[in-house]
Amino acid sequence: MKPIGLFLGYLAVVAAPLALAWASGTPARGFRDEVASGLGLLAFAMILAEFVLSGRFRSVSGGIGLDATIRFHQLMARAALAAALLHPFAYGAPYAPAIAGDITRQHTLTADFSLLATGVVAFLLLPTFVLGAIVHRHLPYTYEAWRWMHGLGALLIAGLLLHHSVYAGRYSGQPALMGLWVALVAVAGASLAVVYIVKPLAQLRRPWRVTEINAETPSQWRVRIAPDGHDGLRYRAGQFVWLNLGHSPFSLAEHPFSISSAPNGGSPELEFLIKELGDFTSRIGSVPVGARAYLDGPHGTLTLDRGVGVGLIAGGVGIAPLMGILRDLHARDDPRPVTLIYGNRTTEKIAYRQELDRLAAAGHVTVLHVLSEPPPRWDGATGLVDAALLRQAFDPAALATWDFVICGPPPMMTGVQHALMARGVTSDRIRCERFQYD
């Protein structure tokens, strides 16, 4: 979906409850009360839309990138939280029994706690839920446990809000808006069902087998998997998948990894470069050859257009998708000039060094290694990948016509992106993907 299509679709969904409330013909109340009701309607619609945004649906994120979709999901969750927290305090009318004859409750809000209770519980859960999502990497839970809690917690909050909206809301109890809420909750539940049930069932029919796990550097592992009974995966160089090694696809023991092999490499096997970082990756070396693997993908827009040349800038394990691009360019005998800047801390951290040396010697790519902690007698670049190094590597003609792909630590990507744009590279010729913002 194109960015404008995603935005307009999202706007239509979250604005629909407001439009139905306005068209209901219910007598208007004071300005504060109408704003308060609007905030509640808006917050609930935004929360339900979050289920689709987080579902990894290529029909939604294919045109703008899954990272942009997830970032939009994160920002809209915080906006929904703000609207939900303001909602009960914006009312001007008192919480009191209805005045005789006030059947539309223009002058009072319901004081029946049995109708308010579900809203109160959701009001208390929602801040914890959103904050937990922001800091989940620092919580004492595995990624898999957090995903289960996040999905089921979101469904619980949606159910509580549905009850509160229909039974305590002034507008949501009317047939048209009630029907919309039921439909949106059903779509949200179906999105979860696709993620937790439908996709794992599909993965069961297309298993993979681990064919190789070897240490590429002291803290990075080269992992290869082969299709088991099917023709493999169609993907573009630079894309990634959610990879599950040695577990049932229903376990949610999956993590995003870039594909470092090439779609035109002559083999259906996929290769990944995985760095030891968390609880799963620290045990990657113990996965036996022959273990079952499952994947969800491909995802991502870290792919090339048709620029005159190609500039690749990698930091650490960010070489993985760029290696897939290099291999693909080589396999297709792409005539475009290619320059790779590859930053690491020490020489021992350099992955694929021999292969990069062969590509450079064959004249297929110019490779510029950068070390922040170089050994004695190192004759390459030192320090960080910064604006000065980019000036050295790319002349003005390259900056005017080449495509650039960046992958590495977030600070490095930000700095390189700003440096390239400061020298006239337009944003449409820069590819980078981010999954950590907070």
Protein backbone atom coordinates (compact mmCIF):
# COMPACT_ATOMS: atom_id res chain seq x y z
CA MET A 1 0.00 0.00 0.00
CA LYS A 2 1.30 3.46 -0.91
CA PRO A 3 1.90 5.91 1.97
CA ILE A 4 -1.03 8.10 1.00
CA GLY A 5 -3.29 5.04 0.74
CA LEU A 6 -2.28 3.81 4.19
CA PHE A 7 -2.83 7.23 5.71
CA LEU A 8 -6.22 7.76 4.07
CA GLY A 9 -7.35 4.25 5.01
CA TYR A 10 -6.30 4.79 8.60
CA LEU A 11 -7.99 8.18 8.70
CA ALA A 12 -11.22 6.70 7.35
CA VAL A 13 -11.26 4.00 10.04
CA VAL A 14 -10.59 6.26 13.02
CA ALA A 15 -12.93 9.00 11.77
CA ALA A 16 -15.85 6.66 11.02
CA PRO A 17 -17.14 6.53 14.64
CA LEU A 18 -17.06 10.33 14.84
CA ALA A 19 -18.98 10.60 11.56
CA LEU A 20 -21.63 8.10 12.69
CA ALA A 21 -22.04 9.89 16.02
CA TRP A 22 -22.46 13.22 14.24
CA ALA A 23 -24.98 11.73 11.79
CA SER A 24 -27.02 10.03 14.52
CA GLY A 25 -29.22 13.05 15.14
CA THR A 26 -28.71 12.85 18.91
CA PRO A 27 -29.23 16.30 20.51
CA ALA A 28 -25.92 18.05 21.05
CA ARG A 29 -24.59 18.73 24.52
CA GLY A 30 -22.11 21.27 25.77
CA PHE A 31 -18.81 21.68 23.93
CA ARG A 32 -16.75 19.96 26.62
CA ASP A 33 -19.05 16.93 26.71
CA GLU A 34 -18.95 16.54 22.94
CA VAL A 35 -15.15 16.80 22.92
CA ALA A 36 -14.92 14.21 25.70
CA SER A 37 -17.14 11.77 23.81
CA GLY A 38 -15.15 12.40 20.65
CA LEU A 39 -11.90 11.63 22.44
CA GLY A 40 -13.32 8.32 23.67
CA LEU A 41 -14.58 7.34 20.22
CA LEU A 42 -11.28 8.32 18.62
CA ALA A 43 -9.17 6.46 21.18
CA PHE A 44 -11.14 3.23 20.79
CA ALA A 45 -10.98 3.36 16.98
CA MET A 46 -7.22 4.00 17.07
CA ILE A 47 -6.67 1.11 19.48
CA LEU A 48 -8.56 -1.29 17.19
CA ALA A 49 -6.62 -0.08 14.14
CA GLU A 50 -3.39 -0.94 15.98
CA PHE A 51 -4.13 -4.66 15.56
CA VAL A 52 -3.88 -4.41 11.78
CA LEU A 53 -0.83 -2.14 11.82
CA SER A 54 1.10 -4.64 13.96
CA GLY A 55 0.09 -7.74 12.01
CA ARG A 56 2.99 -7.76 9.50
CA PHE A 57 0.59 -7.73 6.56
CA ARG A 58 2.50 -7.11 3.34
CA SER A 59 -0.65 -5.68 1.76
CA VAL A 60 -0.43 -2.89 4.37
CA SER A 61 3.30 -2.31 4.71
CA GLY A 62 4.62 -3.44 1.34
CA GLY A 63 4.72 0.03 -0.18
CA ILE A 64 6.26 1.93 2.72
CA GLY A 65 8.26 -0.66 4.62
CA LEU A 66 7.45 -2.66 7.71
CA ASP A 67 9.68 -0.43 9.83
CA ALA A 68 7.65 2.67 8.87
CA THR A 69 4.40 0.80 9.55
CA ILE A 70 5.63 -0.30 12.98
CA ARG A 71 6.77 3.22 13.81
CA PHE A 72 3.36 4.55 12.80
CA HIS A 73 1.83 1.86 15.03
CA GLN A 74 3.98 3.01 17.94
CA LEU A 75 3.15 6.70 17.53
CA MET A 76 -0.58 6.11 17.10
CA ALA A 77 -0.64 3.92 20.21
CA ARG A 78 0.71 6.85 22.21
CA ALA A 79 -1.77 9.23 20.61
CA ALA A 80 -4.60 6.82 21.47
CA LEU A 81 -3.34 6.65 25.06
CA ALA A 82 -3.38 10.46 25.33
CA ALA A 83 -6.95 10.63 23.98
CA ALA A 84 -8.10 7.84 26.32
CA LEU A 85 -6.57 9.48 29.40
CA LEU A 86 -8.15 12.86 28.58
CA HIS A 87 -11.55 11.35 27.77
CA PRO A 88 -13.08 11.00 31.28
CA PHE A 89 -11.70 14.31 32.56
CA ALA A 90 -12.93 16.42 29.65
CA TYR A 91 -16.60 16.05 30.57
CA GLY A 92 -18.42 19.03 32.02
CA ALA A 93 -21.62 17.20 32.97
CA PRO A 94 -21.64 15.43 36.35
CA TYR A 95 -21.63 11.67 36.91
CA ALA A 96 -25.11 11.36 38.41
CA PRO A 97 -28.43 9.54 37.97
CA ALA A 98 -30.41 10.71 34.95
CA ILE A 99 -32.73 13.66 35.48
CA ALA A 100 -36.37 12.80 34.93
CA GLY A 101 -37.20 13.19 31.26
CA ASP A 102 -33.55 13.45 30.17
CA ILE A 103 -33.65 10.27 28.10
CA THR A 104 -30.74 11.39 25.92
CA ARG A 105 -28.60 12.20 28.99
CA GLN A 106 -27.81 15.71 27.87
CA HIS A 107 -27.29 16.96 31.42
CA THR A 108 -25.74 14.02 33.33
CA LEU A 109 -23.39 11.11 32.76
CA THR A 110 -24.24 7.63 33.95
CA ALA A 111 -23.33 6.92 37.54
CA ASP A 112 -23.92 3.15 37.24
CA PHE A 113 -20.53 1.71 38.18
CA SER A 114 -21.37 -1.65 36.61
CA LEU A 115 -21.34 0.15 33.24
CA LEU A 116 -18.29 2.26 34.04
CA ALA A 117 -16.21 -0.53 35.58
CA THR A 118 -14.91 -1.98 32.31
CA GLY A 119 -13.86 1.49 31.18
CA VAL A 120 -12.12 2.12 34.50
CA VAL A 121 -10.19 -1.17 34.24
CA ALA A 122 -9.17 -0.39 30.64
CA PHE A 123 -8.19 3.15 31.74
CA LEU A 124 -5.85 1.64 34.36
CA LEU A 125 -4.44 -1.07 32.08
CA LEU A 126 -3.76 1.03 28.99
CA PRO A 127 -0.89 3.21 30.36
CA THR A 128 0.89 0.13 31.72
CA PHE A 129 0.34 -1.67 28.43
CA VAL A 130 1.78 1.15 26.28
CA LEU A 131 4.68 1.82 28.65
CA GLY A 132 5.47 -1.90 28.74
CA ALA A 133 5.67 -1.93 24.94
CA ILE A 134 8.09 1.01 24.99
CA VAL A 135 10.48 -0.55 27.52
CA HIS A 136 9.90 -4.25 26.82
CA ARG A 137 13.56 -4.81 25.92
CA HIS A 138 14.46 -3.95 29.50
CA LEU A 139 11.83 -6.13 31.19
CA PRO A 140 12.74 -9.48 32.80
CA TYR A 141 10.81 -11.46 30.18
CA THR A 142 11.80 -13.25 27.02
CA TYR A 143 10.73 -11.71 23.74
CA GLU A 144 8.33 -14.60 23.20
CA ALA A 145 6.64 -14.13 26.60
CA TRP A 146 6.29 -10.40 25.96
CA ARG A 147 4.65 -11.03 22.58
CA TRP A 148 2.07 -13.34 24.16
CA MET A 149 1.32 -10.80 26.88
CA HIS A 150 1.16 -7.96 24.36
CA GLY A 151 -1.26 -9.73 22.04
CA LEU A 152 -3.57 -11.09 24.72
CA GLY A 153 -3.41 -7.84 26.71
CA ALA A 154 -4.45 -5.86 23.63
CA LEU A 155 -7.40 -8.20 23.08
CA LEU A 156 -8.45 -7.86 26.75
CA ILE A 157 -8.36 -4.06 26.55
CA ALA A 158 -10.38 -4.12 23.31
CA GLY A 159 -13.04 -6.30 24.96
CA LEU A 160 -13.27 -4.06 28.00
CA LEU A 161 -13.60 -0.97 25.82
CA LEU A 162 -16.28 -2.59 23.67
CA HIS A 163 -18.43 -3.27 26.73
CA HIS A 164 -17.82 0.20 28.14
CA SER A 165 -18.53 1.96 24.84
CA VAL A 166 -21.75 0.10 24.05
CA TYR A 167 -23.27 0.14 27.53
CA ALA A 168 -21.96 3.40 28.99
CA GLY A 169 -21.51 5.48 25.84
CA ARG A 170 -24.09 7.97 24.67
CA TYR A 171 -23.49 7.33 20.97
CA SER A 172 -22.01 3.82 20.84
CA GLY A 173 -25.19 2.14 22.03
CA GLN A 174 -26.96 3.18 18.85
CA PRO A 175 -27.29 0.43 16.22
CA ALA A 176 -25.06 1.89 13.50
CA LEU A 177 -22.13 2.69 15.76
CA MET A 178 -22.58 -0.49 17.77
CA GLY A 179 -22.37 -2.46 14.53
CA LEU A 180 -19.20 -0.62 13.56
CA TRP A 181 -17.57 -1.41 16.90
CA VAL A 182 -18.46 -5.09 16.61
CA ALA A 183 -17.06 -5.19 13.07
CA LEU A 184 -13.82 -3.45 14.06
CA VAL A 185 -13.35 -5.71 17.09
CA ALA A 186 -13.92 -8.70 14.80
CA VAL A 187 -11.25 -7.41 12.39
CA ALA A 188 -8.87 -6.89 15.32
CA GLY A 189 -9.50 -10.41 16.56
CA ALA A 190 -9.05 -11.80 13.05
CA SER A 191 -5.71 -9.98 12.79
CA LEU A 192 -4.53 -11.73 15.94
CA ALA A 193 -5.84 -15.04 14.61
CA VAL A 194 -3.83 -14.58 11.42
CA VAL A 195 -0.64 -13.88 13.39
CA TYR A 196 -1.06 -16.59 16.03
CA ILE A 197 -2.88 -19.32 14.05
CA VAL A 198 -3.16 -18.84 10.29
CA LYS A 199 0.47 -17.92 9.62
CA PRO A 200 1.87 -20.74 11.79
CA LEU A 201 -0.39 -23.24 10.00
CA ALA A 202 0.91 -21.98 6.66
CA GLN A 203 4.48 -22.30 7.93
CA LEU A 204 3.87 -25.93 8.90
CA ARG A 205 3.21 -26.68 5.23
CA ARG A 206 6.49 -25.02 4.17
CA PRO A 207 9.20 -26.14 6.62
CA TRP A 208 12.92 -25.56 6.28
CA ARG A 209 15.96 -27.44 7.58
CA VAL A 210 19.15 -26.03 9.05
CA THR A 211 22.06 -27.05 6.83
CA GLU A 212 24.90 -25.04 8.34
CA ILE A 213 25.73 -23.13 11.52
CA ASN A 214 29.29 -21.87 11.74
CA ALA A 215 31.04 -19.07 13.60
CA GLU A 216 31.77 -16.26 11.14
CA THR A 217 33.44 -14.05 13.79
CA PRO A 218 33.82 -14.55 17.57
CA SER A 219 30.27 -13.23 18.14
CA GLN A 220 28.53 -13.72 14.78
CA TRP A 221 27.15 -16.92 13.29
CA ARG A 222 26.54 -17.86 9.68
CA VAL A 223 23.29 -19.83 9.46
CA ARG A 224 21.98 -21.54 6.34
CA ILE A 225 18.59 -23.17 5.87
CA ALA A 226 17.19 -25.18 2.94
CA PRO A 227 13.55 -25.67 1.89
CA ASP A 228 12.14 -29.03 2.98
CA GLY A 229 9.73 -30.31 0.33
CA HIS A 230 9.01 -27.02 -1.45
CA ASP A 231 10.68 -24.61 -3.85
CA GLY A 232 11.85 -22.04 -1.30
CA LEU A 233 11.21 -18.33 -0.95
CA ARG A 234 10.86 -15.59 -3.53
CA TYR A 235 12.50 -12.42 -2.24
CA ARG A 236 14.55 -9.40 -3.24
CA ALA A 237 18.12 -8.82 -2.15
CA GLY A 238 18.17 -6.78 1.06
CA GLN A 239 14.90 -8.12 2.51
CA PHE A 240 14.45 -9.94 5.83
CA VAL A 241 12.27 -12.60 7.42
CA TRP A 242 11.08 -13.56 10.88
CA LEU A 243 13.08 -16.74 11.48
CA ASN A 244 12.16 -19.57 13.86
CA LEU A 245 14.85 -22.18 14.53
CA GLY A 246 14.09 -25.47 16.27
CA HIS A 247 10.64 -24.56 17.62
CA SER A 248 7.03 -25.06 16.65
CA PRO A 249 5.75 -22.17 14.54
CA PHE A 250 3.06 -21.67 17.21
CA SER A 251 5.69 -20.90 19.85
CA LEU A 252 6.34 -17.30 18.67
CA ALA A 253 10.06 -18.08 19.04
CA GLU A 254 10.80 -16.03 15.93
CA HIS A 255 13.06 -13.05 15.38
CA PRO A 256 13.74 -10.74 12.42
CA PHE A 257 16.95 -11.42 10.49
CA SER A 258 18.16 -10.05 7.18
CA ILE A 259 18.85 -12.46 4.33
CA SER A 260 22.51 -12.34 3.35
CA SER A 261 22.23 -14.74 0.42
CA ALA A 262 21.20 -13.66 -3.08
CA PRO A 263 17.92 -14.51 -4.81
CA ASN A 264 19.91 -15.11 -7.99
CA GLY A 265 22.66 -17.10 -6.33
CA GLY A 266 21.73 -20.42 -7.93
CA SER A 267 20.55 -22.10 -4.70
CA PRO A 268 17.19 -22.07 -2.88
CA GLU A 269 19.04 -22.01 0.45
CA LEU A 270 18.88 -18.87 2.57
CA GLU A 271 21.81 -17.54 4.57
CA PHE A 272 21.73 -15.28 7.64
CA LEU A 273 24.41 -13.56 9.70
CA ILE A 274 23.26 -13.56 13.32
CA LYS A 275 25.00 -11.66 16.08
CA GLU A 276 24.91 -12.77 19.72
CA LEU A 277 22.86 -10.11 21.49
CA GLY A 278 19.90 -11.49 23.44
CA ASP A 279 18.65 -14.66 25.06
CA PHE A 280 17.90 -16.39 21.73
CA THR A 281 20.96 -15.29 19.75
CA SER A 282 23.32 -16.20 22.60
CA ARG A 283 22.28 -19.85 22.09
CA ILE A 284 22.37 -19.85 18.29
CA GLY A 285 25.52 -21.97 18.15
CA SER A 286 23.76 -24.84 19.93
CA VAL A 287 21.09 -25.26 17.25
CA PRO A 288 21.87 -28.59 15.56
CA VAL A 289 22.22 -29.06 11.82
CA GLY A 290 19.02 -30.71 10.61
CA ALA A 291 16.77 -28.81 13.00
CA ARG A 292 13.43 -27.64 11.66
CA ALA A 293 13.10 -23.97 10.77
CA TYR A 294 10.14 -21.81 9.83
CA LEU A 295 9.95 -18.30 8.47
CA ASP A 296 7.52 -15.46 7.83
CA GLY A 297 8.45 -13.20 4.97
CA PRO A 298 9.86 -11.68 2.98
CA HIS A 299 9.56 -8.19 4.42
CA GLY A 300 11.41 -4.93 3.98
CA THR A 301 12.26 -2.26 1.44
CA LEU A 302 16.05 -2.25 1.80
CA THR A 303 16.24 -2.94 -1.92
CA LEU A 304 17.82 -1.18 -4.88
CA ASP A 305 16.26 0.93 -7.58
CA ARG A 306 18.07 1.72 -10.81
CA GLY A 307 20.62 4.32 -9.77
CA VAL A 308 23.75 4.88 -11.82
CA GLY A 309 25.87 3.46 -8.99
CA VAL A 310 25.43 1.83 -5.60
CA GLY A 311 26.77 3.06 -2.27
CA LEU A 312 26.51 0.57 0.60
CA ILE A 313 27.27 1.67 4.17
CA ALA A 314 27.29 -1.00 6.89
CA GLY A 315 28.09 -1.09 10.58
CA GLY A 316 28.71 -4.39 12.35
CA VAL A 317 26.08 -7.04 11.66
CA GLY A 318 24.39 -4.53 9.34
CA ILE A 319 26.56 -6.08 6.63
CA ALA A 320 24.04 -8.96 6.39
CA PRO A 321 21.45 -7.44 3.99
CA LEU A 322 24.17 -5.54 2.14
CA MET A 323 26.00 -8.82 1.56
CA GLY A 324 22.83 -10.12 -0.06
CA ILE A 325 22.78 -7.07 -2.32
CA LEU A 326 26.47 -7.45 -3.22
CA ARG A 327 26.04 -11.12 -4.04
CA ASP A 328 22.96 -10.39 -6.12
CA LEU A 329 24.74 -7.68 -8.11
CA HIS A 330 27.66 -10.04 -8.73
CA ALA A 331 25.40 -12.96 -9.75
CA ARG A 332 23.60 -10.76 -12.27
CA ASP A 333 26.82 -9.20 -13.61
CA ASP A 334 25.39 -5.79 -12.83
CA PRO A 335 27.69 -3.24 -14.49
CA ARG A 336 27.09 -0.42 -12.01
CA PRO A 337 30.01 0.75 -9.85
CA VAL A 338 29.64 -0.26 -6.20
CA THR A 339 31.36 1.11 -3.12
CA LEU A 340 31.02 -0.55 0.28
CA ILE A 341 31.96 1.23 3.50
CA TYR A 342 32.06 -1.31 6.31
CA GLY A 343 32.61 -0.15 9.89
CA ASN A 344 33.65 -2.40 12.78
CA ARG A 345 35.38 -2.12 16.11
CA THR A 346 38.28 -4.54 15.45
CA THR A 347 39.53 -6.73 12.59
CA GLU A 348 38.14 -9.82 14.35
CA LYS A 349 34.62 -8.38 13.92
CA ILE A 350 34.83 -8.16 10.13
CA ALA A 351 32.43 -10.70 8.62
CA TYR A 352 32.78 -12.15 5.11
CA ARG A 353 36.27 -10.65 4.90
CA GLN A 354 37.70 -13.17 2.44
CA GLU A 355 34.69 -12.97 0.15
CA LEU A 356 34.80 -9.18 0.20
CA ASP A 357 38.49 -9.29 -0.64
CA ARG A 358 37.75 -11.55 -3.64
CA LEU A 359 34.99 -9.23 -4.89
CA ALA A 360 37.27 -6.23 -4.52
CA ALA A 361 40.16 -8.00 -6.28
CA ALA A 362 37.85 -8.93 -9.17
CA GLY A 363 36.91 -5.28 -9.57
CA HIS A 364 33.24 -5.79 -8.73
CA VAL A 365 33.24 -3.53 -5.70
CA THR A 366 35.39 -0.99 -3.90
CA VAL A 367 35.59 -1.98 -0.23
CA LEU A 368 36.57 0.53 2.44
CA HIS A 369 37.00 -0.99 5.91
CA VAL A 370 36.77 1.34 8.92
CA LEU A 371 37.92 0.32 12.41
CA SER A 372 37.27 2.25 15.59
CA GLU A 373 39.93 0.22 17.46
CA PRO A 374 42.52 -0.58 14.77
CA PRO A 375 45.50 -2.85 15.42
CA PRO A 376 49.09 -1.66 14.99
CA ARG A 377 50.12 -1.10 11.39
CA TRP A 378 46.49 -0.95 10.17
CA ASP A 379 46.58 0.91 6.85
CA GLY A 380 42.83 1.34 6.42
CA ALA A 381 40.44 4.03 7.61
CA THR A 382 39.99 4.55 11.35
CA GLY A 383 37.38 6.08 13.58
CA LEU A 384 33.67 6.17 12.78
CA VAL A 385 31.67 6.24 9.58
CA ASP A 386 31.12 9.99 9.43
CA ALA A 387 30.71 12.88 6.99
CA ALA A 388 34.47 13.17 6.41
CA LEU A 389 34.72 9.52 5.41
CA LEU A 390 31.73 9.84 3.09
CA ARG A 391 33.41 12.80 1.37
CA GLN A 392 36.47 10.63 0.84
CA ALA A 393 34.50 7.68 -0.53
CA PHE A 394 31.95 9.37 -2.79
CA ASP A 395 32.64 12.19 -5.22
CA PRO A 396 29.95 14.77 -6.14
CA ALA A 397 28.99 12.86 -9.30
CA ALA A 398 28.24 9.74 -7.27
CA LEU A 399 26.21 11.69 -4.73
CA ALA A 400 24.11 13.14 -7.53
CA THR A 401 23.18 9.86 -9.23
CA TRP A 402 23.83 6.83 -7.02
CA ASP A 403 21.48 4.89 -4.75
CA PHE A 404 22.58 4.44 -1.12
CA VAL A 405 21.70 1.66 1.30
CA ILE A 406 22.52 2.00 5.00
CA CYS A 407 22.31 -0.67 7.70
CA GLY A 408 23.89 -0.67 11.14
CA PRO A 409 23.48 0.78 14.63
CA PRO A 410 20.76 3.49 14.77
CA PRO A 411 23.18 6.37 15.61
CA MET A 412 25.36 5.45 12.65
CA MET A 413 22.38 5.28 10.27
CA THR A 414 21.12 8.65 11.48
CA GLY A 415 24.51 10.30 11.08
CA VAL A 416 25.12 8.85 7.61
CA GLN A 417 21.63 9.74 6.42
CA HIS A 418 22.01 13.34 7.59
CA ALA A 419 25.48 13.60 6.04
CA LEU A 420 24.28 12.31 2.67
CA MET A 421 21.26 14.59 2.59
CA ALA A 422 23.43 17.56 3.58
CA ARG A 423 25.44 16.91 0.42
CA GLY A 424 22.38 16.84 -1.83
CA VAL A 425 21.35 13.17 -1.86
CA THR A 426 17.56 13.09 -2.01
CA SER A 427 15.67 10.95 0.48
CA ASP A 428 14.18 8.74 -2.25
CA ARG A 429 17.72 7.52 -3.09
CA ILE A 430 18.53 6.51 0.50
CA ARG A 431 17.36 3.15 1.89
CA CYS A 432 17.52 2.32 5.57
CA GLU A 433 15.31 0.38 7.98
CA ARG A 434 14.88 1.08 11.68
CA PHE A 435 13.19 -1.06 14.30
CA GLN A 436 14.44 0.66 17.44
CA TYR A 437 13.22 4.18 18.15
CA ASP A 438 12.85 4.49 21.93
